[in-house]
Amino acid sequence: MIKNILFILLSVWLVGCQEVKRPEKPDNLIPKETMVALLTEIYLGNSARSIDNKRIREQGIKLDSFLFATYNVDSLQFAKSNAYYTADINTYNEIFNEVHARLEKLKEVENARKLEINARKRAKADSIKSNKTSTKEELDTVKEKQGLIDPVTEEEQ
């Protein structure tokens, strides 16, 4: 029984010690900064798909193909570069931290833009409301003034 347990443990240990092959550096490796920009755009595209995939399909837009063409990258080059970067967890973590930072910055810019638009709408609504109120006050004042005019008497003529 002990021999069987030792045999199983030795087998597990030998299998666990096998060499992990890392992908070779591709000849056309996408530079780290370009990879960050591309992954940021891919995440934005995935977000767009999750919001309105039907419209994207109806328009015939192929987001991944568009992004690859924009960055002069093909899908195979992206896959090989991605596999190469994922083999080094520290580098891949740096890439994704930068992607996250860029997405957060874009989110802040968008939130600030929405706040500005809402502030403009409120200011316009307040302006219209104020204009209506002042117009009404002017009409009331005109009516009051009309009522205050003394009639012309025969003596004044």
N, C-alpha and C. Protein backbone atom coordinates (compact mmCIF):
# COMPACT_ATOMS: atom_id res chain seq x y z
N MET A 1 0.82 -1.19 0.00
CA MET A 1 0.00 0.00 0.00
C MET A 1 0.87 1.26 0.00
N ILE A 2 1.90 1.28 0.83
CA ILE A 2 2.80 2.42 0.93
C ILE A 2 3.55 2.59 -0.39
N LYS A 3 3.90 1.46 -1.02
CA LYS A 3 4.60 1.53 -2.30
C LYS A 3 3.70 2.19 -3.36
N ASN A 4 2.43 1.86 -3.33
CA ASN A 4 1.48 2.46 -4.29
C ASN A 4 1.36 3.97 -4.08
N ILE A 5 1.28 4.40 -2.84
CA ILE A 5 1.17 5.83 -2.52
C ILE A 5 2.45 6.54 -2.95
N LEU A 6 3.61 5.94 -2.66
CA LEU A 6 4.87 6.54 -3.07
C LEU A 6 4.98 6.61 -4.59
N PHE A 7 4.51 5.58 -5.27
CA PHE A 7 4.54 5.58 -6.73
C PHE A 7 3.66 6.70 -7.29
N ILE A 8 2.48 6.87 -6.73
CA ILE A 8 1.56 7.93 -7.18
C ILE A 8 2.17 9.31 -6.91
N LEU A 9 2.73 9.50 -5.73
CA LEU A 9 3.35 10.79 -5.39
C LEU A 9 4.54 11.08 -6.30
N LEU A 10 5.36 10.06 -6.57
CA LEU A 10 6.50 10.24 -7.46
C LEU A 10 6.04 10.57 -8.88
N SER A 11 4.98 9.93 -9.34
CA SER A 11 4.44 10.20 -10.68
C SER A 11 3.91 11.64 -10.77
N VAL A 12 3.19 12.07 -9.75
CA VAL A 12 2.66 13.44 -9.72
C VAL A 12 3.81 14.44 -9.70
N TRP A 13 4.84 14.14 -8.93
CA TRP A 13 5.99 15.04 -8.83
C TRP A 13 6.70 15.15 -10.17
N LEU A 14 6.89 14.04 -10.87
CA LEU A 14 7.56 14.06 -12.17
C LEU A 14 6.74 14.81 -13.22
N VAL A 15 5.45 14.59 -13.21
CA VAL A 15 4.58 15.28 -14.16
C VAL A 15 4.55 16.77 -13.84
N GLY A 16 4.56 17.11 -12.57
CA GLY A 16 4.53 18.51 -12.16
C GLY A 16 5.82 19.24 -12.47
N CYS A 17 6.89 18.54 -12.67
CA CYS A 17 8.18 19.17 -12.93
C CYS A 17 8.50 19.28 -14.42
N GLN A 18 7.51 19.07 -15.24
CA GLN A 18 7.80 19.16 -16.67
C GLN A 18 8.10 20.60 -17.07
N GLU A 19 8.83 20.74 -18.13
CA GLU A 19 9.24 22.07 -18.59
C GLU A 19 8.09 22.73 -19.35
N VAL A 20 7.82 23.96 -18.99
CA VAL A 20 6.78 24.73 -19.67
C VAL A 20 7.45 25.50 -20.80
N LYS A 21 6.94 25.32 -21.99
CA LYS A 21 7.51 26.01 -23.14
C LYS A 21 6.85 27.38 -23.28
N ARG A 22 7.68 28.37 -23.29
CA ARG A 22 7.19 29.74 -23.50
C ARG A 22 7.21 30.02 -24.99
N PRO A 23 6.28 30.83 -25.44
CA PRO A 23 6.29 31.17 -26.87
C PRO A 23 7.53 31.97 -27.23
N GLU A 24 8.02 31.74 -28.42
CA GLU A 24 9.18 32.49 -28.89
C GLU A 24 8.75 33.91 -29.25
N LYS A 25 9.72 34.81 -29.18
CA LYS A 25 9.44 36.20 -29.54
C LYS A 25 9.17 36.26 -31.04
N PRO A 26 7.97 36.72 -31.42
CA PRO A 26 7.66 36.79 -32.85
C PRO A 26 8.53 37.83 -33.56
N ASP A 27 8.76 37.59 -34.84
CA ASP A 27 9.56 38.53 -35.64
C ASP A 27 8.87 39.89 -35.73
N ASN A 28 7.55 39.86 -35.80
CA ASN A 28 6.79 41.10 -35.94
C ASN A 28 6.02 41.42 -34.63
N LEU A 29 6.74 41.35 -33.53
CA LEU A 29 6.15 41.61 -32.21
C LEU A 29 5.58 43.03 -32.17
N ILE A 30 4.36 43.14 -31.69
CA ILE A 30 3.74 44.46 -31.54
C ILE A 30 4.40 45.14 -30.36
N PRO A 31 4.88 46.37 -30.53
CA PRO A 31 5.50 47.08 -29.40
C PRO A 31 4.53 47.24 -28.24
N LYS A 32 5.09 47.32 -27.05
CA LYS A 32 4.29 47.37 -25.83
C LYS A 32 3.28 48.53 -25.85
N GLU A 33 3.71 49.73 -26.25
CA GLU A 33 2.81 50.89 -26.27
C GLU A 33 1.67 50.70 -27.26
N THR A 34 1.99 50.11 -28.42
CA THR A 34 0.95 49.85 -29.41
C THR A 34 -0.01 48.80 -28.89
N MET A 35 0.52 47.81 -28.19
CA MET A 35 -0.32 46.76 -27.61
C MET A 35 -1.28 47.37 -26.58
N VAL A 36 -0.78 48.30 -25.78
CA VAL A 36 -1.63 48.97 -24.79
C VAL A 36 -2.76 49.72 -25.50
N ALA A 37 -2.41 50.48 -26.53
CA ALA A 37 -3.41 51.25 -27.26
C ALA A 37 -4.43 50.33 -27.94
N LEU A 38 -3.94 49.25 -28.53
CA LEU A 38 -4.81 48.31 -29.22
C LEU A 38 -5.76 47.62 -28.24
N LEU A 39 -5.23 47.16 -27.11
CA LEU A 39 -6.08 46.51 -26.11
C LEU A 39 -7.11 47.48 -25.54
N THR A 40 -6.73 48.73 -25.37
CA THR A 40 -7.68 49.74 -24.89
C THR A 40 -8.83 49.87 -25.88
N GLU A 41 -8.49 49.97 -27.15
CA GLU A 41 -9.52 50.09 -28.19
C GLU A 41 -10.38 48.83 -28.27
N ILE A 42 -9.76 47.67 -28.09
CA ILE A 42 -10.51 46.41 -28.13
C ILE A 42 -11.52 46.37 -26.98
N TYR A 43 -11.11 46.79 -25.80
CA TYR A 43 -12.04 46.82 -24.66
C TYR A 43 -13.18 47.80 -24.90
N LEU A 44 -12.88 48.95 -25.50
CA LEU A 44 -13.94 49.90 -25.83
C LEU A 44 -14.89 49.30 -26.87
N GLY A 45 -14.34 48.59 -27.84
CA GLY A 45 -15.17 47.93 -28.85
C GLY A 45 -16.06 46.87 -28.24
N ASN A 46 -15.51 46.10 -27.31
CA ASN A 46 -16.32 45.09 -26.63
C ASN A 46 -17.44 45.73 -25.83
N SER A 47 -17.16 46.88 -25.24
CA SER A 47 -18.21 47.60 -24.51
C SER A 47 -19.30 48.07 -25.47
N ALA A 48 -18.89 48.57 -26.62
CA ALA A 48 -19.86 49.01 -27.62
C ALA A 48 -20.72 47.84 -28.07
N ARG A 49 -20.11 46.69 -28.26
CA ARG A 49 -20.86 45.50 -28.65
C ARG A 49 -21.88 45.11 -27.59
N SER A 50 -21.49 45.22 -26.34
CA SER A 50 -22.41 44.82 -25.27
C SER A 50 -23.57 45.79 -25.14
N ILE A 51 -23.39 47.03 -25.59
CA ILE A 51 -24.47 48.02 -25.49
C ILE A 51 -25.41 47.94 -26.69
N ASP A 52 -24.87 47.88 -27.90
CA ASP A 52 -25.72 47.92 -29.09
C ASP A 52 -25.14 47.06 -30.21
N ASN A 53 -25.06 45.76 -29.97
CA ASN A 53 -24.48 44.84 -30.95
C ASN A 53 -25.34 44.77 -32.22
N LYS A 54 -26.65 44.90 -32.06
CA LYS A 54 -27.54 44.79 -33.22
C LYS A 54 -27.22 45.88 -34.24
N ARG A 55 -27.07 47.11 -33.78
CA ARG A 55 -26.79 48.21 -34.70
C ARG A 55 -25.43 48.03 -35.36
N ILE A 56 -24.45 47.56 -34.59
CA ILE A 56 -23.11 47.34 -35.14
C ILE A 56 -23.18 46.30 -36.26
N ARG A 57 -23.93 45.21 -36.03
CA ARG A 57 -24.07 44.18 -37.07
C ARG A 57 -24.83 44.70 -38.27
N GLU A 58 -25.91 45.48 -38.02
CA GLU A 58 -26.69 46.03 -39.14
C GLU A 58 -25.85 46.96 -40.01
N GLN A 59 -24.96 47.71 -39.37
CA GLN A 59 -24.10 48.63 -40.12
C GLN A 59 -22.98 47.90 -40.84
N GLY A 60 -22.78 46.63 -40.51
CA GLY A 60 -21.73 45.84 -41.14
C GLY A 60 -20.33 46.20 -40.65
N ILE A 61 -20.27 46.73 -39.44
CA ILE A 61 -18.98 47.14 -38.88
C ILE A 61 -18.31 45.93 -38.24
N LYS A 62 -17.07 45.70 -38.62
CA LYS A 62 -16.26 44.64 -38.01
C LYS A 62 -15.19 45.35 -37.18
N LEU A 63 -15.49 45.50 -35.89
CA LEU A 63 -14.64 46.31 -35.02
C LEU A 63 -13.21 45.81 -34.97
N ASP A 64 -13.03 44.49 -34.79
CA ASP A 64 -11.67 43.96 -34.68
C ASP A 64 -10.87 44.21 -35.96
N SER A 65 -11.50 43.95 -37.09
CA SER A 65 -10.81 44.18 -38.37
C SER A 65 -10.46 45.65 -38.54
N PHE A 66 -11.39 46.52 -38.15
CA PHE A 66 -11.15 47.96 -38.23
C PHE A 66 -9.97 48.37 -37.35
N LEU A 67 -9.94 47.84 -36.12
CA LEU A 67 -8.85 48.18 -35.20
C LEU A 67 -7.51 47.65 -35.70
N PHE A 68 -7.50 46.42 -36.18
CA PHE A 68 -6.25 45.87 -36.69
C PHE A 68 -5.74 46.69 -37.87
N ALA A 69 -6.65 47.11 -38.74
CA ALA A 69 -6.25 47.93 -39.88
C ALA A 69 -5.74 49.29 -39.42
N THR A 70 -6.37 49.85 -38.40
CA THR A 70 -5.96 51.16 -37.88
C THR A 70 -4.53 51.11 -37.34
N TYR A 71 -4.19 50.02 -36.68
CA TYR A 71 -2.86 49.89 -36.08
C TYR A 71 -1.90 49.10 -36.97
N ASN A 72 -2.29 48.82 -38.20
CA ASN A 72 -1.45 48.07 -39.15
C ASN A 72 -0.98 46.74 -38.56
N VAL A 73 -1.92 46.00 -38.02
CA VAL A 73 -1.65 44.72 -37.38
C VAL A 73 -2.64 43.71 -37.97
N ASP A 74 -2.21 42.46 -38.14
CA ASP A 74 -3.17 41.45 -38.53
C ASP A 74 -3.50 40.58 -37.31
N SER A 75 -4.53 39.77 -37.44
CA SER A 75 -5.01 39.00 -36.29
C SER A 75 -3.98 37.98 -35.82
N LEU A 76 -3.22 37.39 -36.74
CA LEU A 76 -2.19 36.42 -36.36
C LEU A 76 -1.06 37.11 -35.60
N GLN A 77 -0.66 38.27 -36.08
CA GLN A 77 0.39 39.03 -35.39
C GLN A 77 -0.08 39.39 -33.98
N PHE A 78 -1.34 39.79 -33.86
CA PHE A 78 -1.88 40.13 -32.54
C PHE A 78 -1.89 38.90 -31.63
N ALA A 79 -2.34 37.77 -32.16
CA ALA A 79 -2.42 36.55 -31.35
C ALA A 79 -1.03 36.11 -30.88
N LYS A 80 -0.03 36.16 -31.77
CA LYS A 80 1.33 35.77 -31.38
C LYS A 80 1.92 36.75 -30.37
N SER A 81 1.70 38.03 -30.58
CA SER A 81 2.23 39.03 -29.65
C SER A 81 1.54 38.90 -28.29
N ASN A 82 0.24 38.66 -28.32
CA ASN A 82 -0.50 38.50 -27.07
C ASN A 82 0.00 37.28 -26.31
N ALA A 83 0.23 36.18 -27.03
CA ALA A 83 0.75 34.96 -26.39
C ALA A 83 2.13 35.21 -25.80
N TYR A 84 2.97 35.96 -26.52
CA TYR A 84 4.31 36.26 -26.03
C TYR A 84 4.25 37.10 -24.75
N TYR A 85 3.41 38.12 -24.76
CA TYR A 85 3.31 38.99 -23.58
C TYR A 85 2.68 38.26 -22.38
N THR A 86 1.74 37.35 -22.64
CA THR A 86 1.11 36.63 -21.52
C THR A 86 2.07 35.66 -20.86
N ALA A 87 3.11 35.23 -21.57
CA ALA A 87 4.08 34.32 -20.98
C ALA A 87 4.87 34.99 -19.86
N ASP A 88 5.02 36.30 -19.93
CA ASP A 88 5.70 37.05 -18.87
C ASP A 88 4.64 37.83 -18.10
N ILE A 89 4.24 37.28 -16.97
CA ILE A 89 3.11 37.84 -16.22
C ILE A 89 3.37 39.27 -15.77
N ASN A 90 4.61 39.61 -15.46
CA ASN A 90 4.90 40.98 -15.01
C ASN A 90 4.69 41.99 -16.13
N THR A 91 5.17 41.66 -17.32
CA THR A 91 4.98 42.55 -18.47
C THR A 91 3.51 42.67 -18.81
N TYR A 92 2.81 41.55 -18.79
CA TYR A 92 1.38 41.56 -19.13
C TYR A 92 0.60 42.36 -18.08
N ASN A 93 1.01 42.24 -16.83
CA ASN A 93 0.36 43.01 -15.77
C ASN A 93 0.59 44.51 -15.98
N GLU A 94 1.81 44.89 -16.38
CA GLU A 94 2.09 46.30 -16.67
C GLU A 94 1.22 46.80 -17.82
N ILE A 95 1.08 45.97 -18.84
CA ILE A 95 0.25 46.35 -19.99
C ILE A 95 -1.19 46.59 -19.54
N PHE A 96 -1.72 45.66 -18.76
CA PHE A 96 -3.11 45.80 -18.34
C PHE A 96 -3.32 46.91 -17.32
N ASN A 97 -2.32 47.20 -16.53
CA ASN A 97 -2.43 48.35 -15.63
C ASN A 97 -2.52 49.64 -16.44
N GLU A 98 -1.74 49.73 -17.51
CA GLU A 98 -1.79 50.91 -18.38
C GLU A 98 -3.13 50.99 -19.12
N VAL A 99 -3.62 49.84 -19.58
CA VAL A 99 -4.94 49.81 -20.24
C VAL A 99 -6.01 50.29 -19.26
N HIS A 100 -5.95 49.79 -18.04
CA HIS A 100 -6.93 50.19 -17.01
C HIS A 100 -6.84 51.69 -16.74
N ALA A 101 -5.63 52.22 -16.64
CA ALA A 101 -5.46 53.65 -16.39
C ALA A 101 -6.04 54.48 -17.53
N ARG A 102 -5.82 54.04 -18.76
CA ARG A 102 -6.36 54.78 -19.91
C ARG A 102 -7.88 54.74 -19.93
N LEU A 103 -8.44 53.56 -19.62
CA LEU A 103 -9.90 53.45 -19.60
C LEU A 103 -10.50 54.32 -18.49
N GLU A 104 -9.84 54.36 -17.34
CA GLU A 104 -10.32 55.22 -16.25
C GLU A 104 -10.26 56.69 -16.65
N LYS A 105 -9.19 57.08 -17.34
CA LYS A 105 -9.07 58.47 -17.78
C LYS A 105 -10.18 58.81 -18.78
N LEU A 106 -10.44 57.91 -19.71
CA LEU A 106 -11.53 58.12 -20.67
C LEU A 106 -12.88 58.23 -19.96
N LYS A 107 -13.05 57.42 -18.94
CA LYS A 107 -14.29 57.46 -18.16
C LYS A 107 -14.45 58.81 -17.46
N GLU A 108 -13.37 59.32 -16.89
CA GLU A 108 -13.41 60.62 -16.22
C GLU A 108 -13.73 61.73 -17.21
N VAL A 109 -13.12 61.68 -18.39
CA VAL A 109 -13.38 62.69 -19.41
C VAL A 109 -14.84 62.64 -19.84
N GLU A 110 -15.36 61.45 -20.03
CA GLU A 110 -16.77 61.30 -20.44
C GLU A 110 -17.71 61.79 -19.34
N ASN A 111 -17.41 61.47 -18.09
CA ASN A 111 -18.24 61.95 -16.99
C ASN A 111 -18.22 63.47 -16.90
N ALA A 112 -17.06 64.07 -17.08
CA ALA A 112 -16.96 65.54 -17.05
C ALA A 112 -17.75 66.15 -18.20
N ARG A 113 -17.70 65.51 -19.36
CA ARG A 113 -18.46 66.00 -20.52
C ARG A 113 -19.96 65.94 -20.25
N LYS A 114 -20.41 64.84 -19.64
CA LYS A 114 -21.83 64.70 -19.32
C LYS A 114 -22.27 65.75 -18.29
N LEU A 115 -21.43 65.99 -17.30
CA LEU A 115 -21.75 67.02 -16.30
C LEU A 115 -21.86 68.39 -16.95
N GLU A 116 -20.97 68.70 -17.87
CA GLU A 116 -21.00 69.99 -18.55
C GLU A 116 -22.26 70.13 -19.39
N ILE A 117 -22.64 69.07 -20.09
CA ILE A 117 -23.86 69.10 -20.91
C ILE A 117 -25.08 69.31 -20.02
N ASN A 118 -25.14 68.59 -18.90
CA ASN A 118 -26.27 68.74 -17.98
C ASN A 118 -26.32 70.14 -17.39
N ALA A 119 -25.17 70.71 -17.07
CA ALA A 119 -25.12 72.07 -16.52
C ALA A 119 -25.63 73.07 -17.56
N ARG A 120 -25.26 72.88 -18.81
CA ARG A 120 -25.74 73.78 -19.88
C ARG A 120 -27.25 73.66 -20.04
N LYS A 121 -27.77 72.43 -19.98
CA LYS A 121 -29.21 72.23 -20.10
C LYS A 121 -29.95 72.92 -18.95
N ARG A 122 -29.42 72.75 -17.73
CA ARG A 122 -30.06 73.40 -16.57
C ARG A 122 -30.01 74.91 -16.69
N ALA A 123 -28.87 75.44 -17.14
CA ALA A 123 -28.74 76.89 -17.29
C ALA A 123 -29.71 77.41 -18.34
N LYS A 124 -29.86 76.67 -19.43
CA LYS A 124 -30.79 77.08 -20.48
C LYS A 124 -32.22 77.02 -19.96
N ALA A 125 -32.56 75.95 -19.25
CA ALA A 125 -33.91 75.83 -18.69
C ALA A 125 -34.18 76.94 -17.68
N ASP A 126 -33.19 77.25 -16.84
CA ASP A 126 -33.35 78.34 -15.87
C ASP A 126 -33.50 79.66 -16.59
N SER A 127 -32.75 79.85 -17.66
CA SER A 127 -32.82 81.09 -18.44
C SER A 127 -34.20 81.26 -19.06
N ILE A 128 -34.73 80.18 -19.62
CA ILE A 128 -36.07 80.23 -20.22
C ILE A 128 -37.11 80.52 -19.15
N LYS A 129 -36.99 79.83 -18.02
CA LYS A 129 -37.93 80.04 -16.91
C LYS A 129 -37.84 81.47 -16.41
N SER A 130 -36.64 81.97 -16.25
CA SER A 130 -36.43 83.34 -15.79
C SER A 130 -36.99 84.34 -16.80
N ASN A 131 -36.80 84.06 -18.07
CA ASN A 131 -37.31 84.93 -19.12
C ASN A 131 -38.83 84.96 -19.10
N LYS A 132 -39.47 83.81 -18.91
CA LYS A 132 -40.93 83.76 -18.83
C LYS A 132 -41.42 84.55 -17.63
N THR A 133 -40.74 84.39 -16.49
CA THR A 133 -41.12 85.10 -15.27
C THR A 133 -40.98 86.60 -15.46
N SER A 134 -39.87 87.05 -16.03
CA SER A 134 -39.66 88.49 -16.21
C SER A 134 -40.64 89.05 -17.24
N THR A 135 -40.99 88.29 -18.27
CA THR A 135 -41.97 88.75 -19.25
C THR A 135 -43.34 88.90 -18.59
N LYS A 136 -43.69 87.95 -17.74
CA LYS A 136 -44.96 88.02 -17.03
C LYS A 136 -44.98 89.23 -16.11
N GLU A 137 -43.88 89.48 -15.41
CA GLU A 137 -43.80 90.63 -14.52
C GLU A 137 -43.93 91.93 -15.31
N GLU A 138 -43.33 92.00 -16.49
CA GLU A 138 -43.43 93.19 -17.33
C GLU A 138 -44.87 93.42 -17.76
N LEU A 139 -45.56 92.34 -18.14
CA LEU A 139 -46.96 92.47 -18.54
C LEU A 139 -47.81 92.95 -17.37
N ASP A 140 -47.56 92.39 -16.18
CA ASP A 140 -48.29 92.82 -14.99
C ASP A 140 -48.04 94.29 -14.71
N THR A 141 -46.80 94.72 -14.86
CA THR A 141 -46.44 96.12 -14.61
C THR A 141 -47.12 97.03 -15.61
N VAL A 142 -47.18 96.62 -16.87
CA VAL A 142 -47.84 97.41 -17.90
C VAL A 142 -49.32 97.54 -17.57
N LYS A 143 -49.94 96.44 -17.14
CA LYS A 143 -51.36 96.48 -16.79
C LYS A 143 -51.59 97.42 -15.62
N GLU A 144 -50.69 97.34 -14.62
CA GLU A 144 -50.83 98.22 -13.46
C GLU A 144 -50.68 99.68 -13.87
N LYS A 145 -49.73 99.96 -14.72
CA LYS A 145 -49.50 101.34 -15.17
C LYS A 145 -50.70 101.84 -15.97
N GLN A 146 -51.27 100.97 -16.75
CA GLN A 146 -52.43 101.38 -17.53
C GLN A 146 -53.58 101.76 -16.60
N GLY A 147 -53.71 101.07 -15.51
CA GLY A 147 -54.78 101.36 -14.56
C GLY A 147 -54.51 102.62 -13.77
N LEU A 148 -53.30 103.13 -13.71
CA LEU A 148 -52.95 104.29 -12.91
C LEU A 148 -53.09 105.61 -13.65
N ILE A 149 -53.35 105.57 -14.91
CA ILE A 149 -53.45 106.82 -15.66
C ILE A 149 -54.75 107.52 -15.27
N ASP A 150 -54.59 108.77 -14.87
CA ASP A 150 -55.76 109.57 -14.49
C ASP A 150 -56.49 110.01 -15.75
N PRO A 151 -57.78 110.00 -15.66
CA PRO A 151 -58.53 110.45 -16.83
C PRO A 151 -58.36 111.96 -17.03
N VAL A 152 -58.49 112.37 -18.22
CA VAL A 152 -58.39 113.78 -18.55
C VAL A 152 -59.72 114.45 -18.17
N THR A 153 -59.60 115.50 -17.42
CA THR A 153 -60.81 116.21 -17.01
C THR A 153 -61.03 117.41 -17.92
N GLU A 154 -62.19 117.95 -17.85
CA GLU A 154 -62.52 119.10 -18.69
C GLU A 154 -61.71 120.32 -18.28
N GLU A 155 -61.36 120.38 -17.03
CA GLU A 155 -60.61 121.52 -16.53
C GLU A 155 -59.19 121.53 -17.09
N GLU A 156 -58.62 120.38 -17.34
CA GLU A 156 -57.25 120.29 -17.82
C GLU A 156 -57.15 120.64 -19.29
N GLN A 157 -58.22 120.59 -19.96
CA GLN A 157 -58.17 120.84 -21.40
C GLN A 157 -58.09 122.25 -21.72
